[in-house]
Each structure stands twice: as structure tokens, then as C-alpha cells.
N, C-alpha and C. Protein backbone atom coordinates (compact mmCIF):
# COMPACT_ATOMS: atom_id res chain seq x y z
N MET A 1 -0.47 -179.24 4.09
CA MET A 1 -1.43 -178.19 4.03
C MET A 1 -1.95 -177.82 5.34
N THR A 2 -1.96 -176.55 5.60
CA THR A 2 -2.35 -176.16 6.98
C THR A 2 -3.88 -176.07 7.07
N ARG A 3 -4.34 -176.50 8.29
CA ARG A 3 -5.86 -176.46 8.48
C ARG A 3 -6.25 -175.01 8.79
N GLN A 4 -7.32 -174.67 8.18
CA GLN A 4 -7.95 -173.27 8.49
C GLN A 4 -8.65 -173.35 9.81
N ALA A 5 -8.34 -172.46 10.68
CA ALA A 5 -8.95 -172.53 11.95
C ALA A 5 -10.42 -171.88 11.78
N HIS A 6 -11.30 -172.62 12.33
CA HIS A 6 -12.68 -172.10 12.20
C HIS A 6 -13.00 -171.25 13.41
N PRO A 7 -13.61 -170.06 13.22
CA PRO A 7 -13.92 -169.25 14.44
C PRO A 7 -14.82 -169.99 15.36
N ARG A 8 -14.53 -169.80 16.64
CA ARG A 8 -15.31 -170.46 17.69
C ARG A 8 -16.71 -169.74 17.77
N PRO A 9 -17.75 -170.59 17.91
CA PRO A 9 -19.11 -169.91 18.07
C PRO A 9 -19.16 -169.18 19.39
N ARG A 10 -19.78 -168.03 19.29
CA ARG A 10 -19.89 -167.18 20.55
C ARG A 10 -20.99 -167.79 21.43
N ARG A 11 -20.70 -167.70 22.67
CA ARG A 11 -21.78 -168.07 23.67
C ARG A 11 -22.85 -167.04 23.79
N ALA A 12 -24.06 -167.43 23.91
CA ALA A 12 -25.19 -166.40 24.14
C ALA A 12 -25.07 -165.86 25.49
N ALA A 13 -25.36 -164.59 25.64
CA ALA A 13 -25.27 -163.94 26.99
C ALA A 13 -26.33 -164.67 27.86
N PRO A 14 -25.90 -164.90 29.13
CA PRO A 14 -26.86 -165.53 30.04
C PRO A 14 -28.15 -164.74 30.26
N ALA A 15 -29.31 -165.45 30.20
CA ALA A 15 -30.49 -164.72 30.54
C ALA A 15 -30.54 -164.17 31.90
N PRO A 16 -31.12 -162.98 32.01
CA PRO A 16 -31.15 -162.47 33.41
C PRO A 16 -31.92 -163.33 34.42
N GLN A 17 -31.23 -163.49 35.55
CA GLN A 17 -31.83 -164.33 36.48
C GLN A 17 -32.97 -163.72 37.20
N SER A 18 -33.84 -164.54 37.69
CA SER A 18 -35.07 -164.04 38.37
C SER A 18 -34.65 -163.41 39.73
N GLY A 19 -33.49 -163.68 40.23
CA GLY A 19 -33.07 -163.12 41.50
C GLY A 19 -32.89 -161.58 41.33
N GLY A 20 -32.34 -161.15 40.17
CA GLY A 20 -32.12 -159.73 40.02
C GLY A 20 -33.43 -159.02 39.93
N ARG A 21 -34.37 -159.60 39.31
CA ARG A 21 -35.78 -159.04 39.14
C ARG A 21 -36.37 -158.98 40.53
N ARG A 22 -36.22 -159.92 41.35
CA ARG A 22 -36.72 -160.02 42.77
C ARG A 22 -36.13 -158.87 43.56
N THR A 23 -34.81 -158.63 43.40
CA THR A 23 -34.13 -157.61 44.18
C THR A 23 -34.67 -156.24 43.76
N ALA A 24 -34.96 -156.03 42.49
CA ALA A 24 -35.53 -154.70 42.08
C ALA A 24 -36.90 -154.52 42.68
N VAL A 25 -37.67 -155.57 42.73
CA VAL A 25 -39.09 -155.43 43.19
C VAL A 25 -39.05 -155.11 44.71
N VAL A 26 -38.14 -155.78 45.45
CA VAL A 26 -38.03 -155.65 46.92
C VAL A 26 -37.49 -154.11 47.16
N ALA A 27 -36.52 -153.69 46.36
CA ALA A 27 -36.00 -152.34 46.47
C ALA A 27 -37.11 -151.28 46.22
N GLY A 28 -37.92 -151.60 45.21
CA GLY A 28 -39.07 -150.60 44.95
C GLY A 28 -40.01 -150.64 46.08
N ALA A 29 -40.32 -151.78 46.59
CA ALA A 29 -41.33 -151.87 47.76
C ALA A 29 -40.79 -151.06 48.99
N VAL A 30 -39.52 -151.23 49.17
CA VAL A 30 -38.83 -150.53 50.37
C VAL A 30 -38.93 -149.04 50.13
N ALA A 31 -38.59 -148.50 48.90
CA ALA A 31 -38.64 -147.17 48.58
C ALA A 31 -40.07 -146.55 48.79
N ILE A 32 -41.10 -147.34 48.37
CA ILE A 32 -42.45 -146.83 48.56
C ILE A 32 -42.83 -146.78 50.05
N ALA A 33 -42.38 -147.76 50.82
CA ALA A 33 -42.67 -147.80 52.21
C ALA A 33 -42.04 -146.63 52.97
N VAL A 34 -40.79 -146.29 52.56
CA VAL A 34 -40.06 -145.17 53.07
C VAL A 34 -40.75 -143.85 52.82
N ALA A 35 -41.22 -143.75 51.46
CA ALA A 35 -41.86 -142.47 51.07
C ALA A 35 -43.21 -142.29 51.83
N CYS A 36 -44.00 -143.45 52.03
CA CYS A 36 -45.22 -143.40 52.84
C CYS A 36 -44.85 -142.93 54.24
N LEU A 37 -43.83 -143.54 54.85
CA LEU A 37 -43.55 -143.18 56.19
C LEU A 37 -43.00 -141.70 56.37
N LEU A 38 -42.33 -141.17 55.39
CA LEU A 38 -41.95 -139.76 55.43
C LEU A 38 -43.18 -138.83 55.26
N GLY A 39 -44.09 -139.32 54.37
CA GLY A 39 -45.25 -138.47 54.14
C GLY A 39 -46.15 -138.47 55.39
N TRP A 40 -46.23 -139.60 56.10
CA TRP A 40 -46.99 -139.64 57.26
C TRP A 40 -46.39 -138.77 58.39
N LEU A 41 -45.08 -138.83 58.49
CA LEU A 41 -44.38 -138.01 59.47
C LEU A 41 -44.58 -136.45 59.19
N TRP A 42 -44.48 -136.15 57.87
CA TRP A 42 -44.72 -134.77 57.47
C TRP A 42 -46.08 -134.29 57.84
N LEU A 43 -47.11 -135.17 57.52
CA LEU A 43 -48.53 -134.74 57.84
C LEU A 43 -48.75 -134.68 59.35
N SER A 44 -48.25 -135.60 60.09
CA SER A 44 -48.50 -135.64 61.47
C SER A 44 -47.67 -134.66 62.39
N ARG A 45 -46.62 -134.04 61.64
CA ARG A 45 -45.72 -133.12 62.32
C ARG A 45 -46.47 -132.00 62.94
N GLY A 46 -47.49 -131.39 62.23
CA GLY A 46 -48.23 -130.25 62.84
C GLY A 46 -48.88 -130.56 64.06
N GLU A 47 -49.54 -131.73 64.12
CA GLU A 47 -50.33 -132.10 65.27
C GLU A 47 -49.35 -132.29 66.54
N SER A 48 -48.25 -133.03 66.33
CA SER A 48 -47.32 -133.20 67.44
C SER A 48 -46.66 -131.90 67.87
N LEU A 49 -46.46 -130.99 67.02
CA LEU A 49 -45.91 -129.62 67.30
C LEU A 49 -46.92 -128.87 68.06
N VAL A 50 -48.17 -128.88 67.71
CA VAL A 50 -49.26 -128.22 68.50
C VAL A 50 -49.36 -128.80 69.93
N ASP A 51 -49.41 -130.19 70.01
CA ASP A 51 -49.52 -130.83 71.27
C ASP A 51 -48.29 -130.49 72.23
N LYS A 52 -47.17 -130.49 71.65
CA LYS A 52 -45.92 -130.14 72.39
C LYS A 52 -45.99 -128.72 72.91
N THR A 53 -46.46 -127.85 72.02
CA THR A 53 -46.44 -126.36 72.37
C THR A 53 -47.52 -126.08 73.41
N LEU A 54 -48.72 -126.77 73.36
CA LEU A 54 -49.74 -126.63 74.34
C LEU A 54 -49.30 -127.12 75.69
N GLU A 55 -48.53 -128.26 75.66
CA GLU A 55 -48.03 -128.78 76.95
C GLU A 55 -47.05 -127.88 77.60
N MET A 56 -46.22 -127.19 76.80
CA MET A 56 -45.24 -126.20 77.36
C MET A 56 -45.99 -125.10 77.90
N GLU A 57 -47.00 -124.59 77.17
CA GLU A 57 -47.88 -123.43 77.68
C GLU A 57 -48.40 -123.78 79.02
N ARG A 58 -49.00 -124.90 79.20
CA ARG A 58 -49.66 -125.33 80.48
C ARG A 58 -48.56 -125.36 81.60
N THR A 59 -47.41 -125.96 81.25
CA THR A 59 -46.36 -126.03 82.20
C THR A 59 -45.87 -124.67 82.73
N LEU A 60 -45.76 -123.77 81.78
CA LEU A 60 -45.29 -122.43 82.16
C LEU A 60 -46.29 -121.67 82.91
N LEU A 61 -47.56 -121.78 82.54
CA LEU A 61 -48.68 -121.07 83.27
C LEU A 61 -48.76 -121.68 84.72
N ALA A 62 -48.42 -122.93 84.89
CA ALA A 62 -48.61 -123.55 86.16
C ALA A 62 -47.37 -123.21 87.07
N GLY A 63 -46.36 -122.58 86.46
CA GLY A 63 -45.23 -122.19 87.34
C GLY A 63 -44.23 -123.32 87.48
N GLU A 64 -44.34 -124.31 86.64
CA GLU A 64 -43.50 -125.55 86.77
C GLU A 64 -42.18 -125.39 86.06
N ALA A 65 -41.92 -124.41 85.26
CA ALA A 65 -40.71 -124.14 84.57
C ALA A 65 -40.44 -122.60 84.79
N THR A 66 -39.32 -122.32 85.56
CA THR A 66 -39.00 -120.91 85.79
C THR A 66 -37.50 -120.69 85.42
N GLY A 67 -37.07 -119.46 85.52
CA GLY A 67 -35.71 -119.09 85.26
C GLY A 67 -35.20 -119.51 83.83
N ARG A 68 -34.06 -120.08 83.74
CA ARG A 68 -33.52 -120.47 82.43
C ARG A 68 -34.40 -121.45 81.69
N ALA A 69 -34.90 -122.41 82.43
CA ALA A 69 -35.78 -123.44 81.80
C ALA A 69 -37.03 -122.76 81.30
N GLY A 70 -37.57 -121.80 81.97
CA GLY A 70 -38.75 -121.16 81.47
C GLY A 70 -38.50 -120.35 80.22
N LYS A 71 -37.24 -119.66 80.24
CA LYS A 71 -36.89 -118.86 79.02
C LYS A 71 -36.64 -119.76 77.81
N ARG A 72 -36.02 -120.89 78.02
CA ARG A 72 -35.78 -121.87 76.95
C ARG A 72 -37.16 -122.37 76.41
N ALA A 73 -38.05 -122.64 77.27
CA ALA A 73 -39.39 -123.08 76.84
C ALA A 73 -40.12 -122.04 76.00
N VAL A 74 -40.07 -120.78 76.41
CA VAL A 74 -40.68 -119.69 75.69
C VAL A 74 -40.07 -119.58 74.27
N ASP A 75 -38.70 -119.64 74.24
CA ASP A 75 -37.92 -119.57 72.95
C ASP A 75 -38.37 -120.75 72.02
N GLU A 76 -38.54 -121.96 72.59
CA GLU A 76 -38.94 -123.05 71.82
C GLU A 76 -40.45 -122.85 71.27
N ILE A 77 -41.29 -122.29 72.11
CA ILE A 77 -42.64 -121.99 71.72
C ILE A 77 -42.64 -121.10 70.47
N ILE A 78 -41.74 -119.99 70.57
CA ILE A 78 -41.73 -119.07 69.44
C ILE A 78 -41.29 -119.74 68.17
N ARG A 79 -40.25 -120.65 68.31
CA ARG A 79 -39.79 -121.40 67.11
C ARG A 79 -40.91 -122.31 66.54
N ASN A 80 -41.70 -122.97 67.49
CA ASN A 80 -42.73 -123.78 66.99
C ASN A 80 -43.88 -123.02 66.32
N VAL A 81 -44.21 -121.88 66.90
CA VAL A 81 -45.25 -120.98 66.28
C VAL A 81 -44.87 -120.56 65.00
N ASP A 82 -43.63 -120.14 64.70
CA ASP A 82 -43.20 -119.75 63.47
C ASP A 82 -43.27 -120.82 62.38
N ARG A 83 -43.40 -122.08 62.79
CA ARG A 83 -43.47 -123.18 61.82
C ARG A 83 -44.96 -123.64 61.56
N MET A 84 -45.88 -123.12 62.37
CA MET A 84 -47.33 -123.62 62.24
C MET A 84 -48.09 -123.00 61.14
N ASP A 85 -49.11 -123.73 60.71
CA ASP A 85 -50.01 -123.20 59.68
C ASP A 85 -51.10 -122.40 60.53
N PRO A 86 -51.88 -121.62 59.78
CA PRO A 86 -52.89 -120.74 60.54
C PRO A 86 -53.85 -121.49 61.46
N ALA A 87 -54.28 -122.64 61.02
CA ALA A 87 -55.17 -123.38 61.87
C ALA A 87 -54.61 -123.82 63.19
N ALA A 88 -53.39 -124.32 63.07
CA ALA A 88 -52.64 -124.79 64.29
C ALA A 88 -52.38 -123.61 65.20
N LEU A 89 -51.97 -122.46 64.57
CA LEU A 89 -51.61 -121.25 65.40
C LEU A 89 -52.87 -120.76 66.15
N LYS A 90 -54.01 -120.81 65.50
CA LYS A 90 -55.22 -120.33 66.13
C LYS A 90 -55.64 -121.17 67.30
N GLN A 91 -55.38 -122.56 67.10
CA GLN A 91 -55.67 -123.38 68.20
C GLN A 91 -54.82 -123.14 69.45
N VAL A 92 -53.51 -122.92 69.23
CA VAL A 92 -52.59 -122.65 70.28
C VAL A 92 -53.02 -121.33 71.01
N GLN A 93 -53.28 -120.29 70.25
CA GLN A 93 -53.67 -119.01 70.81
C GLN A 93 -54.95 -119.08 71.63
N GLN A 94 -55.94 -119.79 71.07
CA GLN A 94 -57.31 -119.95 71.80
C GLN A 94 -57.05 -120.78 73.11
N THR A 95 -56.32 -121.81 73.02
CA THR A 95 -56.04 -122.72 74.21
C THR A 95 -55.33 -121.85 75.27
N LEU A 96 -54.31 -121.09 74.83
CA LEU A 96 -53.66 -120.18 75.86
C LEU A 96 -54.55 -119.26 76.58
N GLU A 97 -55.48 -118.60 75.77
CA GLU A 97 -56.43 -117.68 76.35
C GLU A 97 -57.36 -118.45 77.36
N ALA A 98 -57.86 -119.60 76.94
CA ALA A 98 -58.75 -120.36 77.83
C ALA A 98 -58.00 -120.83 79.06
N GLU A 99 -56.71 -121.26 78.95
CA GLU A 99 -55.94 -121.68 80.15
C GLU A 99 -55.78 -120.51 81.09
N TRP A 100 -55.44 -119.31 80.45
CA TRP A 100 -55.21 -118.17 81.26
C TRP A 100 -56.52 -117.77 82.03
N GLN A 101 -57.60 -117.75 81.40
CA GLN A 101 -58.87 -117.39 82.04
C GLN A 101 -59.23 -118.33 83.18
N ARG A 102 -58.94 -119.65 82.87
CA ARG A 102 -59.25 -120.64 83.90
C ARG A 102 -58.29 -120.56 85.18
N ALA A 103 -57.07 -120.28 84.85
CA ALA A 103 -56.09 -120.09 85.98
C ALA A 103 -56.36 -118.81 86.80
N ARG A 104 -56.73 -117.80 86.03
CA ARG A 104 -57.03 -116.47 86.79
C ARG A 104 -58.24 -116.65 87.55
N ALA A 105 -59.32 -117.30 87.07
CA ALA A 105 -60.51 -117.48 87.87
C ALA A 105 -60.22 -118.36 89.14
N ALA A 106 -59.34 -119.36 88.96
CA ALA A 106 -59.03 -120.14 90.10
C ALA A 106 -58.22 -119.39 91.12
N ASP A 107 -57.31 -118.43 90.68
CA ASP A 107 -56.55 -117.62 91.61
C ASP A 107 -57.49 -116.70 92.39
N ILE A 108 -58.51 -116.12 91.62
CA ILE A 108 -59.44 -115.14 92.31
C ILE A 108 -60.25 -115.97 93.39
N GLU A 109 -60.67 -117.14 92.99
CA GLU A 109 -61.51 -117.93 93.98
C GLU A 109 -60.67 -118.33 95.21
N ALA A 110 -59.47 -118.73 94.87
CA ALA A 110 -58.55 -119.12 95.96
C ALA A 110 -58.18 -117.92 96.92
N TYR A 111 -58.07 -116.77 96.38
CA TYR A 111 -57.70 -115.52 97.15
C TYR A 111 -58.88 -115.21 98.12
N PHE A 112 -60.08 -115.18 97.64
CA PHE A 112 -61.16 -114.86 98.59
C PHE A 112 -61.58 -115.99 99.51
N ALA A 113 -61.13 -117.25 99.15
CA ALA A 113 -61.37 -118.34 100.15
C ALA A 113 -60.33 -118.48 101.16
N ALA A 114 -59.11 -117.91 101.01
CA ALA A 114 -58.01 -118.04 101.80
C ALA A 114 -58.03 -117.20 103.17
N GLN A 115 -57.36 -117.51 104.10
CA GLN A 115 -57.16 -116.72 105.28
C GLN A 115 -56.30 -115.50 104.93
N PRO A 116 -56.43 -114.40 105.59
CA PRO A 116 -55.66 -113.16 105.32
C PRO A 116 -54.12 -113.48 105.21
N ASP A 117 -53.59 -114.28 106.11
CA ASP A 117 -52.20 -114.52 106.10
C ASP A 117 -51.71 -115.42 104.92
N GLU A 118 -52.66 -116.08 104.23
CA GLU A 118 -52.36 -117.00 103.17
C GLU A 118 -52.46 -116.19 101.73
N ARG A 119 -53.10 -114.99 101.74
CA ARG A 119 -53.38 -114.33 100.48
C ARG A 119 -52.15 -113.88 99.79
N GLY A 120 -51.16 -113.50 100.60
CA GLY A 120 -49.88 -112.99 99.96
C GLY A 120 -49.23 -113.97 98.93
N SER A 121 -49.22 -115.22 99.35
CA SER A 121 -48.59 -116.27 98.47
C SER A 121 -49.42 -116.50 97.27
N ILE A 122 -50.77 -116.39 97.43
CA ILE A 122 -51.70 -116.50 96.25
C ILE A 122 -51.42 -115.40 95.25
N LEU A 123 -51.33 -114.14 95.74
CA LEU A 123 -51.07 -113.01 95.00
C LEU A 123 -49.69 -113.09 94.26
N ASP A 124 -48.67 -113.61 94.92
CA ASP A 124 -47.37 -113.83 94.38
C ASP A 124 -47.49 -114.70 93.14
N ARG A 125 -48.18 -115.86 93.37
CA ARG A 125 -48.35 -116.84 92.33
C ARG A 125 -49.14 -116.17 91.22
N SER A 126 -50.08 -115.26 91.42
CA SER A 126 -50.87 -114.66 90.38
C SER A 126 -49.97 -113.66 89.58
N ILE A 127 -49.10 -112.96 90.33
CA ILE A 127 -48.21 -112.05 89.69
C ILE A 127 -47.29 -112.77 88.69
N ASP A 128 -46.64 -113.82 89.20
CA ASP A 128 -45.74 -114.57 88.41
C ASP A 128 -46.45 -115.07 87.18
N ARG A 129 -47.74 -115.64 87.38
CA ARG A 129 -48.49 -116.18 86.27
C ARG A 129 -48.80 -115.09 85.22
N ALA A 130 -49.10 -113.82 85.79
CA ALA A 130 -49.44 -112.72 84.76
C ALA A 130 -48.23 -112.38 83.93
N LEU A 131 -47.17 -112.36 84.51
CA LEU A 131 -45.86 -112.06 83.78
C LEU A 131 -45.57 -113.18 82.75
N MET A 132 -45.80 -114.39 83.12
CA MET A 132 -45.58 -115.50 82.17
C MET A 132 -46.55 -115.42 80.99
N TYR A 133 -47.81 -115.17 81.37
CA TYR A 133 -48.84 -114.97 80.36
C TYR A 133 -48.50 -113.93 79.35
N LYS A 134 -47.90 -112.88 79.82
CA LYS A 134 -47.47 -111.80 78.91
C LYS A 134 -46.46 -112.33 77.98
N GLU A 135 -45.49 -113.14 78.45
CA GLU A 135 -44.38 -113.80 77.62
C GLU A 135 -45.07 -114.68 76.64
N LEU A 136 -45.98 -115.49 77.09
CA LEU A 136 -46.62 -116.47 76.23
C LEU A 136 -47.41 -115.79 75.10
N ARG A 137 -48.15 -114.77 75.44
CA ARG A 137 -48.88 -113.96 74.42
C ARG A 137 -47.96 -113.45 73.32
N PHE A 138 -46.76 -112.99 73.81
CA PHE A 138 -45.74 -112.55 72.88
C PHE A 138 -45.27 -113.74 72.03
N ALA A 139 -45.07 -114.92 72.60
CA ALA A 139 -44.54 -116.04 71.94
C ALA A 139 -45.47 -116.63 70.87
N VAL A 140 -46.81 -116.51 71.11
CA VAL A 140 -47.75 -117.16 70.20
C VAL A 140 -48.26 -116.12 69.14
N ASN A 141 -47.56 -114.98 69.04
CA ASN A 141 -48.03 -113.91 68.12
C ASN A 141 -46.91 -113.72 67.10
N PRO A 142 -46.96 -114.47 65.95
CA PRO A 142 -45.90 -114.40 64.95
C PRO A 142 -45.78 -113.05 64.30
N LYS A 143 -46.72 -112.13 64.44
CA LYS A 143 -46.57 -110.78 63.85
C LYS A 143 -45.95 -109.80 64.79
N ALA A 144 -45.69 -110.21 66.00
CA ALA A 144 -45.12 -109.34 67.03
C ALA A 144 -43.62 -109.08 66.68
N TRP A 145 -43.06 -107.98 67.19
CA TRP A 145 -41.71 -107.65 67.02
C TRP A 145 -41.12 -106.91 68.18
N SER A 146 -39.88 -107.04 68.34
CA SER A 146 -39.12 -106.25 69.45
C SER A 146 -37.69 -106.23 68.93
N LYS A 147 -36.81 -106.01 69.85
CA LYS A 147 -35.46 -106.02 69.46
C LYS A 147 -34.97 -107.22 68.73
N ASP A 148 -35.57 -108.36 69.13
CA ASP A 148 -35.24 -109.61 68.48
C ASP A 148 -36.32 -110.04 67.45
N GLY A 149 -37.01 -109.13 67.10
CA GLY A 149 -37.97 -109.43 65.93
C GLY A 149 -39.43 -109.58 66.28
N ARG A 150 -39.83 -109.41 67.49
CA ARG A 150 -41.24 -109.58 67.87
C ARG A 150 -41.61 -108.42 68.79
N LYS A 151 -42.89 -108.10 68.80
CA LYS A 151 -43.48 -106.92 69.56
C LYS A 151 -44.67 -107.48 70.38
N PRO A 152 -44.70 -107.39 71.62
CA PRO A 152 -45.77 -107.83 72.45
C PRO A 152 -47.02 -107.07 72.01
N ARG A 153 -48.19 -107.70 72.13
CA ARG A 153 -49.44 -106.99 71.89
C ARG A 153 -50.33 -107.13 73.09
N LYS A 154 -51.18 -106.10 73.21
CA LYS A 154 -52.07 -106.02 74.43
C LYS A 154 -53.12 -107.03 74.18
N PRO A 155 -53.46 -107.85 75.16
CA PRO A 155 -54.51 -108.87 74.97
C PRO A 155 -55.90 -108.21 75.12
N ARG A 156 -56.81 -109.07 74.48
CA ARG A 156 -58.22 -108.63 74.61
C ARG A 156 -58.69 -108.68 76.04
N THR A 157 -59.51 -107.79 76.42
CA THR A 157 -60.02 -107.76 77.87
C THR A 157 -61.27 -108.60 77.81
N THR A 158 -61.23 -109.71 78.53
CA THR A 158 -62.40 -110.58 78.58
C THR A 158 -62.79 -110.80 79.99
N ALA A 159 -63.97 -111.11 80.24
CA ALA A 159 -64.51 -111.40 81.59
C ALA A 159 -63.85 -112.65 82.09
N PRO A 160 -63.71 -112.77 83.36
CA PRO A 160 -63.13 -114.00 83.92
C PRO A 160 -64.03 -115.22 83.62
N ALA A 161 -63.47 -116.42 83.44
CA ALA A 161 -64.16 -117.61 83.08
C ALA A 161 -65.19 -117.94 84.19
N SER A 162 -65.03 -117.42 85.34
CA SER A 162 -66.02 -117.74 86.33
C SER A 162 -67.36 -117.06 86.17
N GLN A 163 -67.38 -116.06 85.36
CA GLN A 163 -68.65 -115.44 85.08
C GLN A 163 -69.58 -116.23 84.20
N ALA A 164 -70.76 -116.45 84.78
CA ALA A 164 -71.76 -117.22 83.95
C ALA A 164 -72.36 -116.45 82.91
N ALA A 165 -72.50 -117.03 81.71
CA ALA A 165 -73.09 -116.25 80.61
C ALA A 165 -74.46 -115.71 80.91
N GLY A 166 -75.29 -116.42 81.69
CA GLY A 166 -76.61 -115.91 81.97
C GLY A 166 -76.70 -115.26 83.28
N ALA A 167 -75.65 -114.63 83.79
CA ALA A 167 -75.73 -114.04 85.14
C ALA A 167 -76.56 -112.81 85.08
N THR A 168 -77.30 -112.51 86.20
CA THR A 168 -78.11 -111.38 86.36
C THR A 168 -77.23 -110.17 86.50
N ALA A 169 -77.90 -108.93 86.34
CA ALA A 169 -77.16 -107.69 86.50
C ALA A 169 -76.53 -107.62 87.87
N ALA A 170 -77.25 -108.04 88.87
CA ALA A 170 -76.77 -107.93 90.26
C ALA A 170 -75.52 -108.87 90.41
N GLU A 171 -75.67 -110.06 89.84
CA GLU A 171 -74.51 -110.97 89.93
C GLU A 171 -73.31 -110.49 89.26
N LYS A 172 -73.52 -109.95 88.06
CA LYS A 172 -72.40 -109.41 87.36
C LYS A 172 -71.73 -108.21 88.14
N LYS A 173 -72.55 -107.33 88.73
CA LYS A 173 -72.01 -106.27 89.46
C LYS A 173 -71.14 -106.79 90.63
N ALA A 174 -71.67 -107.81 91.38
CA ALA A 174 -70.98 -108.34 92.43
C ALA A 174 -69.62 -108.94 92.01
N GLN A 175 -69.73 -109.70 90.80
CA GLN A 175 -68.38 -110.26 90.37
C GLN A 175 -67.42 -109.18 89.84
N ARG A 176 -67.94 -108.18 89.32
CA ARG A 176 -67.00 -107.12 88.89
C ARG A 176 -66.35 -106.45 90.11
N GLN A 177 -67.21 -106.23 91.19
CA GLN A 177 -66.56 -105.65 92.44
C GLN A 177 -65.53 -106.55 93.07
N LEU A 178 -65.77 -107.88 92.99
CA LEU A 178 -64.75 -108.80 93.51
C LEU A 178 -63.51 -108.79 92.64
N LEU A 179 -63.67 -108.75 91.40
CA LEU A 179 -62.57 -108.61 90.47
C LEU A 179 -61.73 -107.34 90.73
N GLU A 180 -62.45 -106.21 90.91
CA GLU A 180 -61.73 -105.00 91.24
C GLU A 180 -60.90 -105.01 92.49
N ARG A 181 -61.49 -105.63 93.55
CA ARG A 181 -60.79 -105.86 94.88
C ARG A 181 -59.61 -106.71 94.66
N TYR A 182 -59.74 -107.81 93.89
CA TYR A 182 -58.58 -108.64 93.62
C TYR A 182 -57.47 -107.94 92.84
N ASP A 183 -57.87 -107.28 91.82
CA ASP A 183 -56.90 -106.49 90.99
C ASP A 183 -56.21 -105.44 91.75
N ASP A 184 -56.91 -104.76 92.68
CA ASP A 184 -56.34 -103.75 93.60
C ASP A 184 -55.29 -104.40 94.53
N ALA A 185 -55.58 -105.51 95.06
CA ALA A 185 -54.64 -106.31 95.96
C ALA A 185 -53.46 -106.81 95.16
N LEU A 186 -53.76 -107.19 93.87
CA LEU A 186 -52.67 -107.77 93.07
C LEU A 186 -51.64 -106.57 92.78
N ARG A 187 -52.14 -105.42 92.32
CA ARG A 187 -51.33 -104.28 92.08
C ARG A 187 -50.47 -103.80 93.32
N GLN A 188 -51.18 -103.85 94.41
CA GLN A 188 -50.49 -103.45 95.68
C GLN A 188 -49.35 -104.40 96.01
N ARG A 189 -49.64 -105.72 95.85
CA ARG A 189 -48.61 -106.74 96.08
C ARG A 189 -47.39 -106.56 95.17
N ALA A 190 -47.74 -106.28 93.96
CA ALA A 190 -46.66 -106.05 92.83
C ALA A 190 -45.79 -104.88 93.25
N ARG A 191 -46.50 -103.79 93.71
CA ARG A 191 -45.70 -102.60 94.21
C ARG A 191 -44.73 -102.97 95.38
N GLU A 192 -45.21 -103.73 96.22
CA GLU A 192 -44.53 -104.20 97.41
C GLU A 192 -43.25 -104.94 96.91
N ARG A 193 -43.43 -105.78 95.88
CA ARG A 193 -42.27 -106.59 95.34
C ARG A 193 -41.48 -105.86 94.33
N ARG A 194 -41.92 -104.57 94.04
CA ARG A 194 -41.18 -103.75 93.05
C ARG A 194 -41.22 -104.48 91.72
N ILE A 195 -42.41 -105.02 91.36
CA ILE A 195 -42.55 -105.68 90.09
C ILE A 195 -43.56 -104.86 89.20
N GLU A 196 -43.18 -104.63 87.99
CA GLU A 196 -44.10 -103.88 87.10
C GLU A 196 -45.01 -104.88 86.33
N LEU A 197 -46.32 -104.75 86.67
CA LEU A 197 -47.24 -105.72 86.03
C LEU A 197 -47.51 -105.20 84.64
N PRO A 198 -48.00 -106.11 83.74
CA PRO A 198 -48.30 -105.65 82.42
C PRO A 198 -49.38 -104.54 82.51
N ALA A 199 -49.41 -103.66 81.50
CA ALA A 199 -50.28 -102.50 81.57
C ALA A 199 -51.73 -102.81 81.59
N TRP A 200 -52.08 -103.99 81.08
CA TRP A 200 -53.50 -104.45 81.01
C TRP A 200 -53.96 -105.13 82.29
N GLN A 201 -53.01 -105.32 83.20
CA GLN A 201 -53.42 -106.06 84.46
C GLN A 201 -54.02 -105.01 85.41
């Protein structure tokens, strides 16, 4: 008589090991940390973009980047400005205006303090700075357009930073006369160099 084979009892599936659970927890923690880091980088991106743009503006106004390097910097400022939110853009525009007024006031003061034979180089620096300021005003105006999509705008006419808010009428008149003499000399120097200054200069 043949023996009937009894079916073998099935083994129970092994219980999940605690190591697999630990790996899932660690992976989750890493994913959260990465998400937090990316969020922080996204939020801080605007501030670093503004800081970088302001530094490039100062470098260009100081005449430290000219030629191709200056052109590349202006192009980068345009790209940065196109990515900024309105608050950051306003900060960049206001800082540019303040830096320009400060530099112009320093040029005027240096011009009248200099010896006659030193004034030409000061005027040359002022002309180059005025041309760069024109480029920068174009760069920080996202609504501007030209052949490549931007149009320069005429800057607001503001008094030089050297003018005190509480100056008397006589002081204001004297400052205005100095400014007119300086602007006349600047335009004369630009004509000698065959350079066309911006219309507002």
C-alpha cells in the first residue's frame, strides 16, 4: 500500500525587518532636508540677485569695467532685472540713482578743486560715467525697448546730492551757477572728443 504524501506546511512570510523601516525614515528625513534647502535657496535668490546687481552697478559707474567686460556686465544686469520682483527692482533703481548723484557731486567738487591742467581728465571721467549711467538706466528699466527689446528713458532731473535740503536762496543760486559752469565745461569737452552726451546732460 502506497503512503499518501502529506502536503508540506507553508512557511510564514518573514516579518518585515526593522532595518527597512529605518531606511524609509532616513530617506524621508533626507527628502525633507533637501526640500527645505531648495526652499531656502529659492527665497534667498532675490536678495543675492539684488546684491550682485548693485555691485555690478557700482563697478560700472566707477569705471572699473569697460569695453567688452562692461557690455557683458550691462547684459547681465538686464537679465537680472527681468527676473526681479517689483520691490527688488525698485531697490536697484533707487540705489543706481543715489550712486549716480553721489558720483556726479564728487566729480563736480573734484573739478572745481583741481588745477586747470587736471580738469580735462576729471571731465573725461565724468563723460564716461554719464554714458555708463545712461546704459545702466536702460538696463534697470524692464519696460524699456529698442532694437533688442528695450527703449532708454529720460531720467528724472534732480538736484545734485551736494545741495543741502535747507540751503538758502543765495546758496542755491551759487550751486546752480557752479553746476551750469560744470555742465558747460562737460559739453565742451565732449565736443572736443566728438562724443554725443545724453540729451539730458
